């Protein structure tokens, strides 16, 4: 298993019944590794044959909005696309150092983002901070010197920083 910024790649030895990408609508399920399949079936931990591919499509669509890729050959390969924000939240080495950890840091983070781009969206702030849009909205209400001028995509943020 290899996890990078854009995808998860899983490779497994395989008794191939074909070559190339599998199509969810056309594939016929069979155990990719019969010895392992038999063990899990015997101990009652095996799901319905083929359900893994259906579930992977279903949950990858919900999670990343994209389809996984299943490639059959001597090595069975599954590629699950990821959104960048998903890999930023996993593991201490991958967490951005500028992600705020408390309310005051979040408010300072928002101000810094507005200074860089006064047309930044709440969604972009939330993704960059690793929090929900709702959390950003609550923090925005607490920043007295920050206002959104205009409406929708035509508006922009104004930060009043009197010294």
N, C-alpha and C. Protein backbone atom coordinates (compact mmCIF):
# COMPACT_ATOMS: atom_id res chain seq x y z
N UNK A 1 0.85 -1.17 0.00
CA UNK A 1 0.00 0.00 0.00
C UNK A 1 0.90 1.23 0.00
N UNK A 2 0.60 2.15 -0.91
CA UNK A 2 1.34 3.41 -0.99
C UNK A 2 0.33 4.54 -0.91
N UNK A 3 0.53 5.46 0.04
CA UNK A 3 -0.34 6.61 0.20
C UNK A 3 0.47 7.85 -0.14
N UNK A 4 0.00 8.62 -1.14
CA UNK A 4 0.65 9.90 -1.44
C UNK A 4 -0.40 10.99 -1.44
N UNK A 5 -0.04 12.19 -1.90
CA UNK A 5 -0.94 13.33 -1.85
C UNK A 5 -2.18 13.17 -2.72
N UNK A 6 -2.10 12.39 -3.77
CA UNK A 6 -3.19 12.33 -4.74
C UNK A 6 -3.95 11.02 -4.76
N UNK A 7 -3.38 9.95 -4.18
CA UNK A 7 -4.03 8.64 -4.31
C UNK A 7 -3.48 7.64 -3.30
N UNK A 8 -4.25 6.56 -3.15
CA UNK A 8 -3.79 5.38 -2.43
C UNK A 8 -3.68 4.28 -3.47
N UNK A 9 -2.53 3.62 -3.54
CA UNK A 9 -2.33 2.52 -4.48
C UNK A 9 -2.12 1.24 -3.68
N UNK A 10 -2.92 0.22 -3.99
CA UNK A 10 -2.80 -1.07 -3.32
C UNK A 10 -2.49 -2.12 -4.38
N UNK A 11 -1.48 -2.93 -4.14
CA UNK A 11 -1.12 -3.98 -5.08
C UNK A 11 -1.15 -5.32 -4.36
N UNK A 12 -1.61 -6.36 -5.08
CA UNK A 12 -1.75 -7.68 -4.50
C UNK A 12 -1.48 -8.72 -5.58
N UNK A 13 -0.82 -9.81 -5.23
CA UNK A 13 -0.63 -10.87 -6.21
C UNK A 13 -2.00 -11.39 -6.63
N UNK A 14 -2.07 -11.98 -7.82
CA UNK A 14 -3.37 -12.24 -8.41
C UNK A 14 -3.31 -13.41 -9.37
N UNK A 15 -4.36 -14.21 -9.41
CA UNK A 15 -4.55 -15.19 -10.48
C UNK A 15 -5.45 -14.51 -11.50
N UNK A 16 -4.84 -13.87 -12.48
CA UNK A 16 -5.58 -13.03 -13.43
C UNK A 16 -6.50 -13.84 -14.32
N UNK A 17 -7.69 -13.30 -14.54
CA UNK A 17 -8.65 -13.86 -15.50
C UNK A 17 -8.77 -12.93 -16.70
N UNK A 18 -7.96 -11.92 -16.74
CA UNK A 18 -7.96 -10.94 -17.82
C UNK A 18 -6.88 -9.92 -17.57
N UNK A 19 -6.79 -8.95 -18.45
CA UNK A 19 -5.80 -7.90 -18.29
C UNK A 19 -6.47 -6.55 -18.48
N UNK A 20 -5.99 -5.55 -17.76
CA UNK A 20 -6.48 -4.18 -17.93
C UNK A 20 -7.46 -3.76 -16.85
N UNK A 21 -8.05 -2.59 -17.10
CA UNK A 21 -8.96 -1.99 -16.13
C UNK A 21 -10.28 -2.76 -16.07
N UNK A 22 -10.83 -2.87 -14.86
CA UNK A 22 -12.13 -3.52 -14.67
C UNK A 22 -13.22 -2.45 -14.66
N UNK A 23 -14.36 -2.79 -15.21
CA UNK A 23 -15.52 -1.91 -15.24
C UNK A 23 -16.55 -2.46 -14.26
N UNK A 24 -17.04 -1.62 -13.37
CA UNK A 24 -17.99 -2.05 -12.34
C UNK A 24 -19.23 -2.69 -12.95
N UNK A 25 -19.68 -2.19 -14.09
CA UNK A 25 -20.90 -2.69 -14.71
C UNK A 25 -20.71 -4.03 -15.42
N UNK A 26 -19.45 -4.34 -15.79
CA UNK A 26 -19.22 -5.53 -16.62
C UNK A 26 -18.41 -6.64 -15.95
N UNK A 27 -17.81 -6.35 -14.80
CA UNK A 27 -16.91 -7.35 -14.23
C UNK A 27 -17.66 -8.52 -13.62
N UNK A 28 -17.00 -9.67 -13.62
CA UNK A 28 -17.53 -10.86 -12.96
C UNK A 28 -16.61 -11.15 -11.77
N UNK A 29 -17.16 -11.14 -10.56
CA UNK A 29 -16.31 -11.32 -9.38
C UNK A 29 -15.76 -12.74 -9.27
N UNK A 30 -14.50 -12.80 -8.83
CA UNK A 30 -13.86 -14.06 -8.49
C UNK A 30 -12.75 -13.73 -7.50
N UNK A 31 -12.34 -14.67 -6.67
CA UNK A 31 -11.29 -14.37 -5.69
C UNK A 31 -9.98 -14.03 -6.39
N UNK A 32 -9.39 -12.90 -6.02
CA UNK A 32 -8.11 -12.47 -6.60
C UNK A 32 -6.97 -13.31 -6.04
N UNK A 33 -7.14 -13.72 -4.79
CA UNK A 33 -6.15 -14.56 -4.14
C UNK A 33 -6.93 -15.67 -3.43
N UNK A 34 -7.20 -16.79 -4.13
CA UNK A 34 -8.09 -17.84 -3.60
C UNK A 34 -7.69 -18.39 -2.24
N UNK A 35 -6.39 -18.52 -1.97
CA UNK A 35 -5.96 -19.07 -0.67
C UNK A 35 -6.39 -18.15 0.48
N UNK A 36 -6.17 -16.86 0.31
CA UNK A 36 -6.57 -15.90 1.36
C UNK A 36 -8.09 -15.86 1.46
N UNK A 37 -8.76 -15.86 0.31
CA UNK A 37 -10.22 -15.83 0.27
C UNK A 37 -10.81 -17.01 1.04
N UNK A 38 -10.24 -18.19 0.85
CA UNK A 38 -10.74 -19.40 1.51
C UNK A 38 -10.61 -19.29 3.03
N UNK A 39 -9.49 -18.76 3.51
CA UNK A 39 -9.28 -18.60 4.95
C UNK A 39 -10.36 -17.68 5.54
N UNK A 40 -10.58 -16.53 4.90
CA UNK A 40 -11.56 -15.58 5.43
C UNK A 40 -12.99 -16.13 5.33
N UNK A 41 -13.28 -16.90 4.30
CA UNK A 41 -14.59 -17.52 4.17
C UNK A 41 -14.81 -18.56 5.28
N UNK A 42 -13.78 -19.34 5.57
CA UNK A 42 -13.87 -20.38 6.61
C UNK A 42 -14.09 -19.81 8.00
N UNK A 43 -13.49 -18.66 8.30
CA UNK A 43 -13.65 -18.08 9.65
C UNK A 43 -14.82 -17.09 9.71
N UNK A 44 -15.55 -16.96 8.61
CA UNK A 44 -16.76 -16.14 8.61
C UNK A 44 -16.53 -14.65 8.50
N UNK A 45 -15.37 -14.22 8.05
CA UNK A 45 -15.07 -12.79 7.93
C UNK A 45 -15.10 -12.31 6.48
N UNK A 46 -15.62 -13.12 5.60
CA UNK A 46 -15.67 -12.76 4.19
C UNK A 46 -17.02 -12.18 3.85
N UNK A 47 -17.03 -11.12 3.06
CA UNK A 47 -18.24 -10.50 2.57
C UNK A 47 -18.68 -11.20 1.29
N UNK A 48 -19.76 -10.75 0.71
CA UNK A 48 -20.22 -11.28 -0.57
C UNK A 48 -19.17 -11.01 -1.63
N UNK A 49 -18.90 -11.99 -2.48
CA UNK A 49 -17.90 -11.86 -3.53
C UNK A 49 -18.29 -10.70 -4.46
N UNK A 50 -17.37 -9.75 -4.64
CA UNK A 50 -17.62 -8.59 -5.50
C UNK A 50 -18.07 -7.36 -4.74
N UNK A 51 -18.46 -7.51 -3.48
CA UNK A 51 -18.96 -6.36 -2.72
C UNK A 51 -17.86 -5.35 -2.43
N UNK A 52 -16.62 -5.80 -2.36
CA UNK A 52 -15.51 -4.88 -2.11
C UNK A 52 -15.37 -3.85 -3.21
N UNK A 53 -15.50 -4.28 -4.45
CA UNK A 53 -15.41 -3.36 -5.59
C UNK A 53 -16.59 -2.38 -5.57
N UNK A 54 -17.79 -2.89 -5.32
CA UNK A 54 -18.97 -2.01 -5.28
C UNK A 54 -18.84 -1.00 -4.14
N UNK A 55 -18.43 -1.46 -2.96
CA UNK A 55 -18.27 -0.55 -1.82
C UNK A 55 -17.17 0.48 -2.06
N UNK A 56 -16.08 0.04 -2.69
CA UNK A 56 -14.99 0.98 -2.97
C UNK A 56 -15.46 2.08 -3.91
N UNK A 57 -16.21 1.73 -4.94
CA UNK A 57 -16.78 2.75 -5.84
C UNK A 57 -17.69 3.70 -5.07
N UNK A 58 -18.58 3.12 -4.28
CA UNK A 58 -19.55 3.91 -3.53
C UNK A 58 -18.87 4.91 -2.59
N UNK A 59 -17.95 4.43 -1.77
CA UNK A 59 -17.36 5.29 -0.75
C UNK A 59 -16.29 6.22 -1.32
N UNK A 60 -15.60 5.81 -2.37
CA UNK A 60 -14.63 6.71 -2.99
C UNK A 60 -15.36 7.88 -3.63
N UNK A 61 -16.51 7.61 -4.25
CA UNK A 61 -17.33 8.68 -4.83
C UNK A 61 -17.76 9.66 -3.74
N UNK A 62 -18.23 9.15 -2.61
CA UNK A 62 -18.68 10.01 -1.52
C UNK A 62 -17.52 10.80 -0.93
N UNK A 63 -16.36 10.18 -0.82
CA UNK A 63 -15.22 10.79 -0.14
C UNK A 63 -14.45 11.76 -1.02
N UNK A 64 -14.18 11.37 -2.27
CA UNK A 64 -13.33 12.22 -3.10
C UNK A 64 -14.02 12.73 -4.35
N UNK A 65 -15.23 12.23 -4.64
CA UNK A 65 -15.94 12.68 -5.83
C UNK A 65 -15.39 12.09 -7.12
N UNK A 66 -14.52 11.11 -7.02
CA UNK A 66 -13.93 10.48 -8.20
C UNK A 66 -14.12 8.97 -8.11
N UNK A 67 -13.83 8.29 -9.22
CA UNK A 67 -13.94 6.83 -9.24
C UNK A 67 -12.60 6.18 -9.00
N UNK A 68 -12.60 5.05 -8.29
CA UNK A 68 -11.36 4.29 -8.13
C UNK A 68 -11.04 3.57 -9.44
N UNK A 69 -9.80 3.09 -9.55
CA UNK A 69 -9.38 2.32 -10.72
C UNK A 69 -8.95 0.93 -10.24
N UNK A 70 -9.48 -0.09 -10.89
CA UNK A 70 -9.10 -1.47 -10.60
C UNK A 70 -8.44 -2.02 -11.86
N UNK A 71 -7.17 -2.42 -11.74
CA UNK A 71 -6.43 -2.95 -12.89
C UNK A 71 -6.06 -4.40 -12.62
N UNK A 72 -6.43 -5.27 -13.56
CA UNK A 72 -6.15 -6.68 -13.39
C UNK A 72 -4.95 -7.08 -14.24
N UNK A 73 -4.15 -7.93 -13.68
CA UNK A 73 -2.98 -8.50 -14.34
C UNK A 73 -2.38 -9.49 -13.36
N UNK A 74 -1.09 -9.83 -13.54
CA UNK A 74 -0.43 -10.71 -12.57
C UNK A 74 -0.42 -10.07 -11.19
N UNK A 75 -0.42 -8.74 -11.18
CA UNK A 75 -0.57 -7.97 -9.95
C UNK A 75 -1.89 -7.23 -10.05
N UNK A 76 -2.76 -7.41 -9.06
CA UNK A 76 -4.04 -6.69 -9.04
C UNK A 76 -3.79 -5.36 -8.36
N UNK A 77 -4.15 -4.27 -9.03
CA UNK A 77 -3.86 -2.93 -8.53
C UNK A 77 -5.17 -2.16 -8.35
N UNK A 78 -5.31 -1.54 -7.19
CA UNK A 78 -6.44 -0.66 -6.91
C UNK A 78 -5.86 0.73 -6.65
N UNK A 79 -6.42 1.72 -7.33
CA UNK A 79 -5.97 3.10 -7.15
C UNK A 79 -7.18 3.91 -6.68
N UNK A 80 -7.06 4.48 -5.49
CA UNK A 80 -8.15 5.27 -4.91
C UNK A 80 -7.72 6.73 -4.89
N UNK A 81 -8.38 7.59 -5.68
CA UNK A 81 -8.01 9.00 -5.70
C UNK A 81 -8.37 9.69 -4.39
N UNK A 82 -7.56 10.66 -4.01
CA UNK A 82 -7.79 11.42 -2.78
C UNK A 82 -7.84 12.91 -3.07
N UNK A 83 -8.52 13.63 -2.22
CA UNK A 83 -8.43 15.09 -2.24
C UNK A 83 -7.22 15.46 -1.39
N UNK A 84 -6.53 16.52 -1.74
CA UNK A 84 -5.32 16.93 -1.04
C UNK A 84 -5.57 17.12 0.46
N UNK A 85 -6.72 17.67 0.82
CA UNK A 85 -7.00 17.94 2.23
C UNK A 85 -7.02 16.65 3.05
N UNK A 86 -7.39 15.53 2.44
CA UNK A 86 -7.44 14.25 3.16
C UNK A 86 -6.06 13.83 3.62
N UNK A 87 -5.05 14.03 2.79
CA UNK A 87 -3.70 13.62 3.17
C UNK A 87 -3.07 14.61 4.13
N UNK A 88 -3.55 15.84 4.18
CA UNK A 88 -2.99 16.82 5.11
C UNK A 88 -3.41 16.51 6.54
N UNK A 89 -4.53 15.83 6.71
CA UNK A 89 -5.03 15.57 8.06
C UNK A 89 -4.51 14.28 8.66
N UNK A 90 -3.75 13.49 7.92
CA UNK A 90 -3.31 12.19 8.38
C UNK A 90 -1.83 12.24 8.75
N UNK A 91 -1.50 11.81 9.94
CA UNK A 91 -0.10 11.69 10.36
C UNK A 91 0.53 13.02 10.71
N UNK A 92 1.43 13.00 11.65
CA UNK A 92 2.04 14.24 12.12
C UNK A 92 2.96 14.89 11.09
N UNK A 93 3.60 14.09 10.22
CA UNK A 93 4.51 14.68 9.23
C UNK A 93 3.76 15.38 8.12
N UNK A 94 2.52 14.97 7.83
CA UNK A 94 1.78 15.52 6.71
C UNK A 94 0.89 16.70 7.08
N UNK A 95 0.77 17.00 8.37
CA UNK A 95 -0.08 18.11 8.77
C UNK A 95 0.66 19.41 8.51
N UNK A 96 0.05 20.34 7.78
CA UNK A 96 0.71 21.61 7.53
C UNK A 96 1.04 22.31 8.84
N UNK A 97 2.17 22.97 8.88
CA UNK A 97 2.62 23.61 10.12
C UNK A 97 1.82 24.86 10.44
N UNK A 98 1.14 25.44 9.43
CA UNK A 98 0.39 26.66 9.69
C UNK A 98 -1.08 26.41 10.02
N UNK A 99 -1.46 25.17 10.26
CA UNK A 99 -2.83 24.86 10.64
C UNK A 99 -3.05 25.32 12.08
N UNK A 100 -4.09 26.13 12.32
CA UNK A 100 -4.34 26.65 13.67
C UNK A 100 -4.81 25.54 14.62
N UNK A 101 -4.43 25.67 15.89
CA UNK A 101 -4.78 24.66 16.88
C UNK A 101 -5.79 25.15 17.90
N UNK A 102 -5.99 26.46 18.02
CA UNK A 102 -7.01 26.98 18.93
C UNK A 102 -7.73 28.15 18.28
N UNK A 103 -8.72 28.69 18.96
CA UNK A 103 -9.59 29.75 18.41
C UNK A 103 -8.79 31.00 18.00
N UNK A 104 -7.86 31.44 18.86
CA UNK A 104 -7.07 32.64 18.53
C UNK A 104 -6.18 32.40 17.31
N UNK A 105 -5.57 31.22 17.25
CA UNK A 105 -4.74 30.90 16.08
C UNK A 105 -5.59 30.83 14.82
N UNK A 106 -6.81 30.32 14.94
CA UNK A 106 -7.71 30.25 13.79
C UNK A 106 -8.06 31.66 13.30
N UNK A 107 -8.34 32.55 14.23
CA UNK A 107 -8.67 33.93 13.83
C UNK A 107 -7.47 34.60 13.16
N UNK A 108 -6.27 34.39 13.67
CA UNK A 108 -5.07 34.94 13.05
C UNK A 108 -4.82 34.31 11.68
N UNK A 109 -5.09 33.02 11.57
CA UNK A 109 -4.96 32.32 10.29
C UNK A 109 -5.89 32.94 9.25
N UNK A 110 -7.14 33.18 9.63
CA UNK A 110 -8.11 33.78 8.72
C UNK A 110 -7.63 35.16 8.27
N UNK A 111 -7.16 35.97 9.20
CA UNK A 111 -6.67 37.31 8.85
C UNK A 111 -5.50 37.21 7.87
N UNK A 112 -4.60 36.28 8.11
CA UNK A 112 -3.45 36.12 7.21
C UNK A 112 -3.90 35.70 5.82
N UNK A 113 -4.89 34.82 5.74
CA UNK A 113 -5.40 34.39 4.44
C UNK A 113 -6.06 35.55 3.70
N UNK A 114 -6.79 36.38 4.42
CA UNK A 114 -7.45 37.55 3.81
C UNK A 114 -6.41 38.55 3.32
N UNK A 115 -5.32 38.72 4.09
CA UNK A 115 -4.25 39.62 3.63
C UNK A 115 -3.64 39.13 2.32
N UNK A 116 -3.53 37.80 2.17
CA UNK A 116 -2.97 37.22 0.94
C UNK A 116 -3.95 37.28 -0.23
N UNK A 117 -5.24 37.12 0.07
CA UNK A 117 -6.26 37.07 -0.99
C UNK A 117 -7.58 37.54 -0.41
N UNK A 118 -7.97 38.79 -0.72
CA UNK A 118 -9.19 39.33 -0.11
C UNK A 118 -10.47 38.78 -0.76
N UNK A 119 -10.33 37.89 -1.72
CA UNK A 119 -11.49 37.24 -2.34
C UNK A 119 -11.58 35.75 -1.96
N UNK A 120 -10.80 35.35 -0.96
CA UNK A 120 -10.80 33.95 -0.53
C UNK A 120 -12.18 33.55 -0.02
N UNK A 121 -12.57 32.34 -0.32
CA UNK A 121 -13.88 31.84 0.12
C UNK A 121 -13.79 31.20 1.50
N UNK A 122 -14.92 31.10 2.15
CA UNK A 122 -14.97 30.42 3.45
C UNK A 122 -14.56 28.96 3.29
N UNK A 123 -14.96 28.35 2.18
CA UNK A 123 -14.62 26.96 1.91
C UNK A 123 -13.09 26.80 1.81
N UNK A 124 -12.43 27.70 1.08
CA UNK A 124 -10.97 27.63 0.95
C UNK A 124 -10.28 27.83 2.30
N UNK A 125 -10.82 28.75 3.11
CA UNK A 125 -10.26 28.95 4.45
C UNK A 125 -10.38 27.67 5.26
N UNK A 126 -11.56 27.05 5.20
CA UNK A 126 -11.82 25.83 5.98
C UNK A 126 -10.88 24.70 5.54
N UNK A 127 -10.73 24.50 4.23
CA UNK A 127 -9.85 23.44 3.73
C UNK A 127 -8.41 23.70 4.14
N UNK A 128 -7.97 24.94 4.05
CA UNK A 128 -6.60 25.27 4.43
C UNK A 128 -6.33 25.10 5.91
N UNK A 129 -7.36 25.38 6.72
CA UNK A 129 -7.21 25.29 8.17
C UNK A 129 -7.49 23.88 8.69
N UNK A 130 -8.08 23.04 7.85
CA UNK A 130 -8.42 21.69 8.29
C UNK A 130 -9.60 21.66 9.24
N UNK A 131 -10.54 22.61 9.05
CA UNK A 131 -11.74 22.67 9.88
C UNK A 131 -12.96 22.77 8.97
N UNK A 132 -14.14 22.75 9.55
CA UNK A 132 -15.37 22.85 8.77
C UNK A 132 -15.67 24.30 8.42
N UNK A 133 -16.51 24.50 7.42
CA UNK A 133 -16.94 25.85 7.04
C UNK A 133 -17.69 26.49 8.20
N UNK A 134 -18.46 25.69 8.93
CA UNK A 134 -19.21 26.19 10.08
C UNK A 134 -18.25 26.76 11.14
N UNK A 135 -17.13 26.10 11.36
CA UNK A 135 -16.13 26.59 12.32
C UNK A 135 -15.57 27.93 11.84
N UNK A 136 -15.30 28.03 10.54
CA UNK A 136 -14.81 29.29 9.96
C UNK A 136 -15.85 30.39 10.17
N UNK A 137 -17.11 30.08 9.91
CA UNK A 137 -18.18 31.08 10.06
C UNK A 137 -18.27 31.58 11.50
N UNK A 138 -18.13 30.67 12.47
CA UNK A 138 -18.16 31.08 13.88
C UNK A 138 -16.97 31.98 14.21
N UNK A 139 -15.80 31.63 13.70
CA UNK A 139 -14.60 32.44 13.96
C UNK A 139 -14.72 33.81 13.30
N UNK A 140 -15.29 33.86 12.10
CA UNK A 140 -15.45 35.14 11.40
C UNK A 140 -16.30 36.12 12.20
N UNK A 141 -17.30 35.60 12.89
CA UNK A 141 -18.17 36.46 13.70
C UNK A 141 -17.40 37.11 14.86
N UNK A 142 -16.32 36.47 15.28
CA UNK A 142 -15.54 36.98 16.41
C UNK A 142 -14.47 37.99 16.00
N UNK A 143 -14.23 38.13 14.71
CA UNK A 143 -13.20 39.07 14.24
C UNK A 143 -13.90 40.39 13.91
N UNK A 144 -13.82 41.34 14.86
CA UNK A 144 -14.55 42.60 14.75
C UNK A 144 -14.09 43.47 13.58
N UNK A 145 -12.82 43.42 13.25
CA UNK A 145 -12.28 44.32 12.22
C UNK A 145 -12.24 43.68 10.83
N UNK A 146 -13.02 42.63 10.61
CA UNK A 146 -13.07 41.96 9.31
C UNK A 146 -14.52 41.95 8.82
N UNK A 147 -14.71 42.47 7.61
CA UNK A 147 -16.05 42.54 7.03
C UNK A 147 -16.02 42.06 5.59
N UNK A 148 -17.14 41.48 5.17
CA UNK A 148 -17.29 41.08 3.78
C UNK A 148 -18.11 42.17 3.10
N UNK A 149 -17.54 42.76 2.07
CA UNK A 149 -18.18 43.86 1.36
C UNK A 149 -18.66 43.33 0.01
N UNK A 150 -19.93 43.60 -0.32
CA UNK A 150 -20.48 43.10 -1.57
C UNK A 150 -21.25 41.83 -1.30
N UNK A 151 -21.53 41.10 -2.38
CA UNK A 151 -22.26 39.85 -2.22
C UNK A 151 -21.73 38.79 -3.17
N UNK A 152 -21.81 37.54 -2.70
CA UNK A 152 -21.41 36.41 -3.54
C UNK A 152 -20.00 36.53 -4.07
N UNK A 153 -19.83 36.10 -5.33
CA UNK A 153 -18.50 36.10 -5.95
C UNK A 153 -17.99 37.50 -6.26
N UNK A 154 -18.88 38.50 -6.25
CA UNK A 154 -18.47 39.88 -6.55
C UNK A 154 -17.94 40.61 -5.32
N UNK A 155 -18.09 40.03 -4.15
CA UNK A 155 -17.66 40.69 -2.93
C UNK A 155 -16.20 40.41 -2.61
N UNK A 156 -15.74 41.03 -1.51
CA UNK A 156 -14.36 40.82 -1.04
C UNK A 156 -14.28 41.13 0.45
N UNK A 157 -13.22 40.65 1.06
CA UNK A 157 -13.00 40.87 2.49
C UNK A 157 -12.23 42.18 2.70
N UNK A 158 -12.60 42.91 3.73
CA UNK A 158 -11.86 44.11 4.13
C UNK A 158 -11.46 43.93 5.59
N UNK A 159 -10.15 44.04 5.82
CA UNK A 159 -9.59 43.91 7.17
C UNK A 159 -9.11 45.28 7.59
N UNK A 160 -9.71 45.85 8.63
CA UNK A 160 -9.36 47.17 9.12
C UNK A 160 -8.28 47.02 10.18
N UNK A 161 -7.03 47.35 9.80
CA UNK A 161 -5.90 47.19 10.73
C UNK A 161 -5.30 48.54 11.08
N UNK A 162 -6.05 49.32 11.84
CA UNK A 162 -5.57 50.63 12.28
C UNK A 162 -4.47 50.44 13.31
N UNK A 163 -3.45 51.29 13.20
CA UNK A 163 -2.32 51.16 14.14
C UNK A 163 -2.28 52.33 15.08
